[in-house]
PDB file of all heavy atoms in Angstrom:
ATOM      1  N   GLU A   1      50.573  39.919-137.676  1.00  0.00           N
ATOM      2  CA  GLU A   1      50.354  39.149-138.816  1.00  0.00           C
ATOM      3  C   GLU A   1      51.568  38.648-139.543  1.00  0.00           C
ATOM      4  O   GLU A   1      51.546  37.752-140.334  1.00  0.00           O
ATOM      5  CB  GLU A   1      49.460  40.033-139.859  1.00  0.00           C
ATOM      6  CG  GLU A   1      48.114  40.513-139.335  1.00  0.00           C
ATOM      7  CD  GLU A   1      48.241  41.862-138.775  1.00  0.00           C
ATOM      8  OE1 GLU A   1      49.282  42.265-138.250  1.00  0.00           O
ATOM      9  OE2 GLU A   1      47.112  42.595-138.692  1.00  0.00           O
ATOM     10  N   HIS A   2      52.613  39.365-139.257  1.00  0.00           N
ATOM     11  CA  HIS A   2      53.906  39.041-139.886  1.00  0.00           C
ATOM     12  C   HIS A   2      54.600  37.955-139.207  1.00  0.00           C
ATOM     13  O   HIS A   2      55.731  37.461-139.648  1.00  0.00           O
ATOM     14  CB  HIS A   2      54.769  40.328-139.983  1.00  0.00           C
ATOM     15  CG  HIS A   2      54.041  41.463-140.432  1.00  0.00           C
ATOM     16  ND1 HIS A   2      53.662  41.737-141.783  1.00  0.00           N
ATOM     17  CD2 HIS A   2      53.661  42.575-139.797  1.00  0.00           C
ATOM     18  CE1 HIS A   2      52.953  42.831-141.871  1.00  0.00           C
ATOM     19  NE2 HIS A   2      52.973  43.324-140.704  1.00  0.00           N
ATOM     20  N   ASP A   3      54.063  37.461-138.057  1.00  0.00           N
ATOM     21  CA  ASP A   3      54.725  36.330-137.345  1.00  0.00           C
ATOM     22  C   ASP A   3      54.515  35.027-138.030  1.00  0.00           C
ATOM     23  O   ASP A   3      53.452  34.822-138.684  1.00  0.00           O
ATOM     24  CB  ASP A   3      54.080  36.200-135.851  1.00  0.00           C
ATOM     25  CG  ASP A   3      54.492  37.472-135.024  1.00  0.00           C
ATOM     26  OD1 ASP A   3      55.402  38.099-135.421  1.00  0.00           O
ATOM     27  OD2 ASP A   3      53.754  37.666-134.022  1.00  0.00           O
ATOM     28  N   ASN A   4      55.362  34.072-137.742  1.00  0.00           N
ATOM     29  CA  ASN A   4      55.242  32.716-138.157  1.00  0.00           C
ATOM     30  C   ASN A   4      54.020  32.014-137.448  1.00  0.00           C
ATOM     31  O   ASN A   4      53.827  32.174-136.220  1.00  0.00           O
ATOM     32  CB  ASN A   4      56.487  31.884-137.893  1.00  0.00           C
ATOM     33  CG  ASN A   4      56.345  30.443-138.445  1.00  0.00           C
ATOM     34  OD1 ASN A   4      55.668  29.648-137.788  1.00  0.00           O
ATOM     35  ND2 ASN A   4      56.966  30.170-139.554  1.00  0.00           N
ATOM     36  N   VAL A   5      53.145  31.299-138.127  1.00  0.00           N
ATOM     37  CA  VAL A   5      51.981  30.587-137.475  1.00  0.00           C
ATOM     38  C   VAL A   5      52.033  29.168-137.850  1.00  0.00           C
ATOM     39  O   VAL A   5      50.990  28.575-138.285  1.00  0.00           O
ATOM     40  CB  VAL A   5      50.690  31.281-137.807  1.00  0.00           C
ATOM     41  CG1 VAL A   5      50.580  32.663-137.137  1.00  0.00           C
ATOM     42  CG2 VAL A   5      50.425  31.504-139.331  1.00  0.00           C
ATOM     43  N   ASP A   6      53.112  28.546-137.738  1.00  0.00           N
ATOM     44  CA  ASP A   6      53.295  27.148-138.281  1.00  0.00           C
ATOM     45  C   ASP A   6      53.155  26.109-137.146  1.00  0.00           C
ATOM     46  O   ASP A   6      53.386  24.949-137.317  1.00  0.00           O
ATOM     47  CB  ASP A   6      54.632  26.910-138.873  1.00  0.00           C
ATOM     48  CG  ASP A   6      54.740  27.581-140.281  1.00  0.00           C
ATOM     49  OD1 ASP A   6      53.627  27.794-140.869  1.00  0.00           O
ATOM     50  OD2 ASP A   6      55.765  27.717-140.782  1.00  0.00           O
ATOM     51  N   HIS A   7      52.723  26.563-135.955  1.00  0.00           N
ATOM     52  CA  HIS A   7      52.580  25.664-134.805  1.00  0.00           C
ATOM     53  C   HIS A   7      51.209  25.735-134.044  1.00  0.00           C
ATOM     54  O   HIS A   7      51.158  26.117-132.942  1.00  0.00           O
ATOM     55  CB  HIS A   7      53.722  25.873-133.761  1.00  0.00           C
ATOM     56  CG  HIS A   7      55.105  25.742-134.413  1.00  0.00           C
ATOM     57  ND1 HIS A   7      55.741  26.654-135.085  1.00  0.00           N
ATOM     58  CD2 HIS A   7      55.872  24.605-134.407  1.00  0.00           C
ATOM     59  CE1 HIS A   7      56.921  26.258-135.537  1.00  0.00           C
ATOM     60  NE2 HIS A   7      56.981  24.956-135.223  1.00  0.00           N
ATOM     61  N   PRO A   8      50.088  25.313-134.779  1.00  0.00           N
ATOM     62  CA  PRO A   8      48.786  25.314-134.171  1.00  0.00           C
ATOM     63  C   PRO A   8      48.696  24.384-133.037  1.00  0.00           C
ATOM     64  O   PRO A   8      49.442  23.292-133.011  1.00  0.00           O
ATOM     65  CB  PRO A   8      47.873  24.992-135.327  1.00  0.00           C
ATOM     66  CG  PRO A   8      48.743  24.303-136.255  1.00  0.00           C
ATOM     67  CD  PRO A   8      50.026  24.907-136.234  1.00  0.00           C
ATOM     68  N   VAL A   9      47.853  24.610-132.093  1.00  0.00           N
ATOM     69  CA  VAL A   9      47.738  23.648-131.012  1.00  0.00           C
ATOM     70  C   VAL A   9      46.332  23.020-130.885  1.00  0.00           C
ATOM     71  O   VAL A   9      45.998  22.391-129.896  1.00  0.00           O
ATOM     72  CB  VAL A   9      48.126  24.277-129.609  1.00  0.00           C
ATOM     73  CG1 VAL A   9      49.649  24.630-129.600  1.00  0.00           C
ATOM     74  CG2 VAL A   9      47.247  25.482-129.293  1.00  0.00           C
ATOM     75  N   SER A  10      45.529  23.235-131.922  1.00  0.00           N
ATOM     76  CA  SER A  10      44.203  22.598-131.939  1.00  0.00           C
ATOM     77  C   SER A  10      43.924  22.291-133.397  1.00  0.00           C
ATOM     78  O   SER A  10      44.436  23.054-134.352  1.00  0.00           O
ATOM     79  CB  SER A  10      43.142  23.384-131.423  1.00  0.00           C
ATOM     80  OG  SER A  10      42.853  24.595-132.142  1.00  0.00           O
ATOM     81  N   LEU A  11      43.042  21.425-133.736  1.00  0.00           N
ATOM     82  CA  LEU A  11      42.652  21.174-135.139  1.00  0.00           C
ATOM     83  C   LEU A  11      41.849  22.294-135.655  1.00  0.00           C
ATOM     84  O   LEU A  11      42.061  22.760-136.884  1.00  0.00           O
ATOM     85  CB  LEU A  11      41.812  19.873-135.214  1.00  0.00           C
ATOM     86  CG  LEU A  11      41.316  19.511-136.591  1.00  0.00           C
ATOM     87  CD1 LEU A  11      42.530  19.231-137.492  1.00  0.00           C
ATOM     88  CD2 LEU A  11      40.311  18.358-136.715  1.00  0.00           C
ATOM     89  N   TYR A  12      41.037  22.966-134.816  1.00  0.00           N
ATOM     90  CA  TYR A  12      40.347  24.109-135.237  1.00  0.00           C
ATOM     91  C   TYR A  12      41.328  25.225-135.812  1.00  0.00           C
ATOM     92  O   TYR A  12      41.124  25.769-136.855  1.00  0.00           O
ATOM     93  CB  TYR A  12      39.570  24.707-134.077  1.00  0.00           C
ATOM     94  CG  TYR A  12      38.973  26.110-134.338  1.00  0.00           C
ATOM     95  CD1 TYR A  12      37.877  26.251-135.264  1.00  0.00           C
ATOM     96  CD2 TYR A  12      39.546  27.278-133.733  1.00  0.00           C
ATOM     97  CE1 TYR A  12      37.405  27.482-135.409  1.00  0.00           C
ATOM     98  CE2 TYR A  12      39.059  28.578-133.993  1.00  0.00           C
ATOM     99  CZ  TYR A  12      37.869  28.651-134.872  1.00  0.00           C
ATOM    100  OH  TYR A  12      37.462  29.844-135.208  1.00  0.00           O
ATOM    101  N   ALA A  13      42.359  25.439-134.991  1.00  0.00           N
ATOM    102  CA  ALA A  13      43.369  26.379-135.456  1.00  0.00           C
ATOM    103  C   ALA A  13      44.090  26.007-136.778  1.00  0.00           C
ATOM    104  O   ALA A  13      44.222  26.774-137.667  1.00  0.00           O
ATOM    105  CB  ALA A  13      44.456  26.593-134.442  1.00  0.00           C
ATOM    106  N   ALA A  14      44.234  24.618-136.910  1.00  0.00           N
ATOM    107  CA  ALA A  14      44.951  24.144-138.197  1.00  0.00           C
ATOM    108  C   ALA A  14      44.008  24.364-139.402  1.00  0.00           C
ATOM    109  O   ALA A  14      44.530  24.714-140.529  1.00  0.00           O
ATOM    110  CB  ALA A  14      45.242  22.752-137.988  1.00  0.00           C
ATOM    111  N   THR A  15      42.715  24.225-139.155  1.00  0.00           N
ATOM    112  CA  THR A  15      41.763  24.457-140.258  1.00  0.00           C
ATOM    113  C   THR A  15      41.800  25.882-140.710  1.00  0.00           C
ATOM    114  O   THR A  15      41.630  26.160-141.885  1.00  0.00           O
ATOM    115  CB  THR A  15      40.311  23.984-139.949  1.00  0.00           C
ATOM    116  OG1 THR A  15      39.726  24.700-138.862  1.00  0.00           O
ATOM    117  CG2 THR A  15      40.335  22.475-139.664  1.00  0.00           C
ATOM    118  N   LYS A  16      41.878  26.728-139.727  1.00  0.00           N
ATOM    119  CA  LYS A  16      41.925  28.201-140.059  1.00  0.00           C
ATOM    120  C   LYS A  16      43.104  28.610-140.678  1.00  0.00           C
ATOM    121  O   LYS A  16      43.068  29.437-141.656  1.00  0.00           O
ATOM    122  CB  LYS A  16      41.633  29.050-138.780  1.00  0.00           C
ATOM    123  CG  LYS A  16      40.230  28.933-138.195  1.00  0.00           C
ATOM    124  CD  LYS A  16      39.234  29.462-139.210  1.00  0.00           C
ATOM    125  CE  LYS A  16      37.839  29.551-138.695  1.00  0.00           C
ATOM    126  NZ  LYS A  16      36.861  30.163-139.722  1.00  0.00           N
ATOM    127  N   LYS A  17      44.265  28.109-140.372  1.00  0.00           N
ATOM    128  CA  LYS A  17      45.563  28.273-140.926  1.00  0.00           C
ATOM    129  C   LYS A  17      45.518  27.798-142.419  1.00  0.00           C
ATOM    130  O   LYS A  17      45.913  28.383-143.502  1.00  0.00           O
ATOM    131  CB  LYS A  17      46.675  27.658-140.277  1.00  0.00           C
ATOM    132  CG  LYS A  17      47.963  27.495-141.051  1.00  0.00           C
ATOM    133  CD  LYS A  17      48.844  28.754-141.169  1.00  0.00           C
ATOM    134  CE  LYS A  17      50.050  28.669-142.026  1.00  0.00           C
ATOM    135  NZ  LYS A  17      51.129  27.923-141.445  1.00  0.00           N
ATOM    136  N   SER A  18      44.818  26.648-142.595  1.00  0.00           N
ATOM    137  CA  SER A  18      44.560  26.093-143.873  1.00  0.00           C
ATOM    138  C   SER A  18      43.744  26.962-144.749  1.00  0.00           C
ATOM    139  O   SER A  18      44.081  27.118-145.936  1.00  0.00           O
ATOM    140  CB  SER A  18      43.894  24.636-143.824  1.00  0.00           C
ATOM    141  OG  SER A  18      44.650  23.745-143.023  1.00  0.00           O
ATOM    142  N   ASN A  19      42.771  27.566-144.256  1.00  0.00           N
ATOM    143  CA  ASN A  19      41.910  28.517-144.990  1.00  0.00           C
ATOM    144  C   ASN A  19      42.687  29.624-145.544  1.00  0.00           C
ATOM    145  O   ASN A  19      42.603  30.122-146.680  1.00  0.00           O
ATOM    146  CB  ASN A  19      40.775  29.151-144.143  1.00  0.00           C
ATOM    147  CG  ASN A  19      39.731  28.109-143.774  1.00  0.00           C
ATOM    148  OD1 ASN A  19      38.831  28.376-142.905  1.00  0.00           O
ATOM    149  ND2 ASN A  19      39.662  26.893-144.357  1.00  0.00           N
ATOM    150  N   GLU A  20      43.645  30.148-144.731  1.00  0.00           N
ATOM    151  CA  GLU A  20      44.463  31.227-145.257  1.00  0.00           C
ATOM    152  C   GLU A  20      45.379  30.761-146.458  1.00  0.00           C
ATOM    153  O   GLU A  20      45.591  31.479-147.408  1.00  0.00           O
ATOM    154  CB  GLU A  20      45.418  31.775-144.155  1.00  0.00           C
ATOM    155  CG  GLU A  20      44.687  32.510-143.034  1.00  0.00           C
ATOM    156  CD  GLU A  20      45.491  32.821-141.925  1.00  0.00           C
ATOM    157  OE1 GLU A  20      46.680  32.706-141.917  1.00  0.00           O
ATOM    158  OE2 GLU A  20      44.956  33.385-140.862  1.00  0.00           O
ATOM    159  N   LEU A  21      45.850  29.523-146.366  1.00  0.00           N
ATOM    160  CA  LEU A  21      46.732  29.012-147.395  1.00  0.00           C
ATOM    161  C   LEU A  21      45.846  28.715-148.553  1.00  0.00           C
ATOM    162  O   LEU A  21      46.369  29.019-149.750  1.00  0.00           O
ATOM    163  CB  LEU A  21      47.479  27.753-146.947  1.00  0.00           C
ATOM    164  CG  LEU A  21      48.397  27.854-145.750  1.00  0.00           C
ATOM    165  CD1 LEU A  21      48.892  26.502-145.267  1.00  0.00           C
ATOM    166  CD2 LEU A  21      49.536  28.738-146.088  1.00  0.00           C
ATOM    167  N   MET A  22      44.752  28.273-148.472  1.00  0.00           N
ATOM    168  CA  MET A  22      43.827  28.000-149.601  1.00  0.00           C
ATOM    169  C   MET A  22      43.395  29.202-150.210  1.00  0.00           C
ATOM    170  O   MET A  22      43.411  29.274-151.526  1.00  0.00           O
ATOM    171  CB  MET A  22      42.629  27.157-149.163  1.00  0.00           C
ATOM    172  CG  MET A  22      43.044  25.799-148.496  1.00  0.00           C
ATOM    173  SD  MET A  22      41.733  25.178-147.405  1.00  0.00           S
ATOM    174  CE  MET A  22      40.362  24.722-148.570  1.00  0.00           C
ATOM    175  N   ALA A  23      43.152  30.290-149.499  1.00  0.00           N
ATOM    176  CA  ALA A  23      42.788  31.499-150.100  1.00  0.00           C
ATOM    177  C   ALA A  23      43.866  32.124-150.869  1.00  0.00           C
ATOM    178  O   ALA A  23      43.645  32.643-151.964  1.00  0.00           O
ATOM    179  CB  ALA A  23      42.347  32.494-148.989  1.00  0.00           C
ATOM    180  N   HIS A  24      45.058  32.030-150.363  1.00  0.00           N
ATOM    181  CA  HIS A  24      46.265  32.483-151.061  1.00  0.00           C
ATOM    182  C   HIS A  24      46.434  31.787-152.438  1.00  0.00           C
ATOM    183  O   HIS A  24      46.690  32.479-153.480  1.00  0.00           O
ATOM    184  CB  HIS A  24      47.586  32.455-150.293  1.00  0.00           C
ATOM    185  CG  HIS A  24      48.730  33.074-151.040  1.00  0.00           C
ATOM    186  ND1 HIS A  24      49.449  32.235-151.872  1.00  0.00           N
ATOM    187  CD2 HIS A  24      49.189  34.279-151.076  1.00  0.00           C
ATOM    188  CE1 HIS A  24      50.384  33.092-152.369  1.00  0.00           C
ATOM    189  NE2 HIS A  24      50.223  34.254-151.982  1.00  0.00           N
ATOM    190  N   THR A  25      46.245  30.576-152.449  1.00  0.00           N
ATOM    191  CA  THR A  25      46.351  29.759-153.708  1.00  0.00           C
ATOM    192  C   THR A  25      45.339  30.234-154.653  1.00  0.00           C
ATOM    193  O   THR A  25      45.767  30.428-155.906  1.00  0.00           O
ATOM    194  CB  THR A  25      46.149  28.314-153.299  1.00  0.00           C
ATOM    195  OG1 THR A  25      47.113  27.826-152.439  1.00  0.00           O
ATOM    196  CG2 THR A  25      46.287  27.434-154.669  1.00  0.00           C
ATOM    197  N   TYR A  26      44.118  30.407-154.371  1.00  0.00           N
ATOM    198  CA  TYR A  26      43.138  30.918-155.311  1.00  0.00           C
ATOM    199  C   TYR A  26      43.399  32.378-155.697  1.00  0.00           C
ATOM    200  O   TYR A  26      43.109  32.781-156.849  1.00  0.00           O
ATOM    201  CB  TYR A  26      41.752  30.735-154.794  1.00  0.00           C
ATOM    202  CG  TYR A  26      41.135  29.344-155.053  1.00  0.00           C
ATOM    203  CD1 TYR A  26      41.673  28.163-154.431  1.00  0.00           C
ATOM    204  CD2 TYR A  26      40.116  29.163-155.923  1.00  0.00           C
ATOM    205  CE1 TYR A  26      41.192  27.004-154.760  1.00  0.00           C
ATOM    206  CE2 TYR A  26      39.535  27.921-156.219  1.00  0.00           C
ATOM    207  CZ  TYR A  26      40.157  26.856-155.636  1.00  0.00           C
ATOM    208  OH  TYR A  26      39.588  25.554-155.932  1.00  0.00           O
ATOM    209  N   SER A  27      43.873  33.148-154.765  1.00  0.00           N
ATOM    210  CA  SER A  27      44.226  34.506-155.105  1.00  0.00           C
ATOM    211  C   SER A  27      45.345  34.559-156.137  1.00  0.00           C
ATOM    212  O   SER A  27      45.246  35.307-157.125  1.00  0.00           O
ATOM    213  CB  SER A  27      44.574  35.288-153.800  1.00  0.00           C
ATOM    214  OG  SER A  27      44.849  36.657-154.027  1.00  0.00           O
ATOM    215  N   HIS A  28      46.341  33.736-155.925  1.00  0.00           N
ATOM    216  CA  HIS A  28      47.388  33.633-156.994  1.00  0.00           C
ATOM    217  C   HIS A  28      47.041  33.142-158.267  1.00  0.00           C
ATOM    218  O   HIS A  28      47.312  33.655-159.308  1.00  0.00           O
ATOM    219  CB  HIS A  28      48.492  32.775-156.358  1.00  0.00           C
ATOM    220  CG  HIS A  28      49.547  32.248-157.262  1.00  0.00           C
ATOM    221  ND1 HIS A  28      50.278  32.998-158.029  1.00  0.00           N
ATOM    222  CD2 HIS A  28      49.713  30.936-157.773  1.00  0.00           C
ATOM    223  CE1 HIS A  28      51.059  32.365-158.883  1.00  0.00           C
ATOM    224  NE2 HIS A  28      50.780  31.098-158.764  1.00  0.00           N
ATOM    225  N   LEU A  29      46.250  32.038-158.224  1.00  0.00           N
ATOM    226  CA  LEU A  29      45.892  31.328-159.493  1.00  0.00           C
ATOM    227  C   LEU A  29      44.847  32.068-160.236  1.00  0.00           C
ATOM    228  O   LEU A  29      44.966  32.102-161.569  1.00  0.00           O
ATOM    229  CB  LEU A  29      45.385  29.890-159.244  1.00  0.00           C
ATOM    230  CG  LEU A  29      46.513  28.924-158.723  1.00  0.00           C
ATOM    231  CD1 LEU A  29      45.831  27.608-158.377  1.00  0.00           C
ATOM    232  CD2 LEU A  29      47.544  28.649-159.809  1.00  0.00           C
ATOM    233  N   PHE A  30      43.831  32.709-159.619  1.00  0.00           N
ATOM    234  CA  PHE A  30      42.752  33.170-160.295  1.00  0.00           C
ATOM    235  C   PHE A  30      42.467  34.620-160.047  1.00  0.00           C
ATOM    236  O   PHE A  30      41.466  35.112-160.542  1.00  0.00           O
ATOM    237  CB  PHE A  30      41.476  32.402-159.884  1.00  0.00           C
ATOM    238  CG  PHE A  30      41.654  30.822-160.125  1.00  0.00           C
ATOM    239  CD1 PHE A  30      41.697  30.021-158.863  1.00  0.00           C
ATOM    240  CD2 PHE A  30      41.871  30.285-161.281  1.00  0.00           C
ATOM    241  CE1 PHE A  30      41.884  28.607-159.084  1.00  0.00           C
ATOM    242  CE2 PHE A  30      42.107  28.962-161.483  1.00  0.00           C
ATOM    243  CZ  PHE A  30      42.086  28.112-160.345  1.00  0.00           C
ATOM    244  N   GLY A  31      43.393  35.337-159.317  1.00  0.00           N
ATOM    245  CA  GLY A  31      43.232  36.694-159.110  1.00  0.00           C
ATOM    246  C   GLY A  31      42.194  37.120-158.287  1.00  0.00           C
ATOM    247  O   GLY A  31      41.612  38.343-158.316  1.00  0.00           O
ATOM    248  N   ILE A  32      41.595  36.254-157.344  1.00  0.00           N
ATOM    249  CA  ILE A  32      40.547  36.589-156.461  1.00  0.00           C
ATOM    250  C   ILE A  32      41.106  37.503-155.329  1.00  0.00           C
ATOM    251  O   ILE A  32      41.868  36.975-154.525  1.00  0.00           O
ATOM    252  CB  ILE A  32      39.962  35.274-155.876  1.00  0.00           C
ATOM    253  CG1 ILE A  32      39.374  34.474-157.021  1.00  0.00           C
ATOM    254  CG2 ILE A  32      38.749  35.719-154.921  1.00  0.00           C
ATOM    255  CD1 ILE A  32      38.940  33.069-156.561  1.00  0.00           C
ATOM    256  N   PRO A  33      40.664  38.659-155.205  1.00  0.00           N
ATOM    257  CA  PRO A  33      40.986  39.512-154.034  1.00  0.00           C
ATOM    258  C   PRO A  33      40.383  38.818-152.768  1.00  0.00           C
ATOM    259  O   PRO A  33      39.176  38.602-152.678  1.00  0.00           O
ATOM    260  CB  PRO A  33      40.366  40.864-154.217  1.00  0.00           C
ATOM    261  CG  PRO A  33      40.180  40.925-155.796  1.00  0.00           C
ATOM    262  CD  PRO A  33      39.855  39.518-156.183  1.00  0.00           C
ATOM    263  N   ALA A  34      41.263  38.442-151.878  1.00  0.00           N
ATOM    264  CA  ALA A  34      40.931  37.758-150.672  1.00  0.00           C
ATOM    265  C   ALA A  34      41.539  38.254-149.390  1.00  0.00           C
ATOM    266  O   ALA A  34      42.702  38.457-149.261  1.00  0.00           O
ATOM    267  CB  ALA A  34      41.205  36.247-150.781  1.00  0.00           C
ATOM    268  N   THR A  35      40.720  38.593-148.388  1.00  0.00           N
ATOM    269  CA  THR A  35      41.201  39.111-147.112  1.00  0.00           C
ATOM    270  C   THR A  35      40.729  38.243-145.965  1.00  0.00           C
ATOM    271  O   THR A  35      39.483  38.053-145.797  1.00  0.00           O
ATOM    272  CB  THR A  35      40.625  40.525-146.900  1.00  0.00           C
ATOM    273  OG1 THR A  35      40.962  41.469-148.034  1.00  0.00           O
ATOM    274  CG2 THR A  35      41.110  41.132-145.589  1.00  0.00           C
ATOM    275  N   GLY A  36      41.711  37.814-145.223  1.00  0.00           N
ATOM    276  CA  GLY A  36      41.396  36.887-144.029  1.00  0.00           C
ATOM    277  C   GLY A  36      41.562  37.794-142.773  1.00  0.00           C
ATOM    278  O   GLY A  36      42.425  38.543-142.613  1.00  0.00           O
ATOM    279  N   LEU A  37      40.520  37.626-141.871  1.00  0.00           N
ATOM    280  CA  LEU A  37      40.563  38.313-140.635  1.00  0.00           C
ATOM    281  C   LEU A  37      40.680  37.439-139.453  1.00  0.00           C
ATOM    282  O   LEU A  37      39.898  36.528-139.203  1.00  0.00           O
ATOM    283  CB  LEU A  37      39.165  39.081-140.485  1.00  0.00           C
ATOM    284  CG  LEU A  37      38.882  40.160-141.600  1.00  0.00           C
ATOM    285  CD1 LEU A  37      37.386  40.690-141.358  1.00  0.00           C
ATOM    286  CD2 LEU A  37      39.863  41.217-141.524  1.00  0.00           C
ATOM    287  N   ARG A  38      41.781  37.544-138.669  1.00  0.00           N
ATOM    288  CA  ARG A  38      42.048  36.818-137.604  1.00  0.00           C
ATOM    289  C   ARG A  38      41.338  37.371-136.359  1.00  0.00           C
ATOM    290  O   ARG A  38      41.721  38.271-135.739  1.00  0.00           O
ATOM    291  CB  ARG A  38      43.520  36.730-137.240  1.00  0.00           C
ATOM    292  CG  ARG A  38      44.254  35.922-138.401  1.00  0.00           C
ATOM    293  CD  ARG A  38      45.787  35.936-138.137  1.00  0.00           C
ATOM    294  NE  ARG A  38      46.421  35.111-139.167  1.00  0.00           N
ATOM    295  CZ  ARG A  38      47.748  35.078-139.412  1.00  0.00           C
ATOM    296  NH1 ARG A  38      48.609  35.907-138.627  1.00  0.00           N
ATOM    297  NH2 ARG A  38      48.288  34.320-140.319  1.00  0.00           N
ATOM    298  N   LEU A  39      40.181  36.744-135.947  1.00  0.00           N
ATOM    299  CA  LEU A  39      39.337  37.366-135.029  1.00  0.00           C
ATOM    300  C   LEU A  39      39.726  37.012-133.593  1.00  0.00           C
ATOM    301  O   LEU A  39      40.204  35.893-133.356  1.00  0.00           O
ATOM    302  CB  LEU A  39      37.834  36.774-135.181  1.00  0.00           C
ATOM    303  CG  LEU A  39      37.197  37.305-136.478  1.00  0.00           C
ATOM    304  CD1 LEU A  39      36.087  36.269-136.979  1.00  0.00           C
ATOM    305  CD2 LEU A  39      36.630  38.662-136.222  1.00  0.00           C
TER     306      LEU A  39
END
């Protein structure tokens, strides 16, 4: 989880990386506890 993940090779992967970034934004701004699971 501590590795860099800035080089997706599919749009599906890019949307999942985007979900992690979006969740962090809301967690920061609104204090929502958010846990992402990389299946």
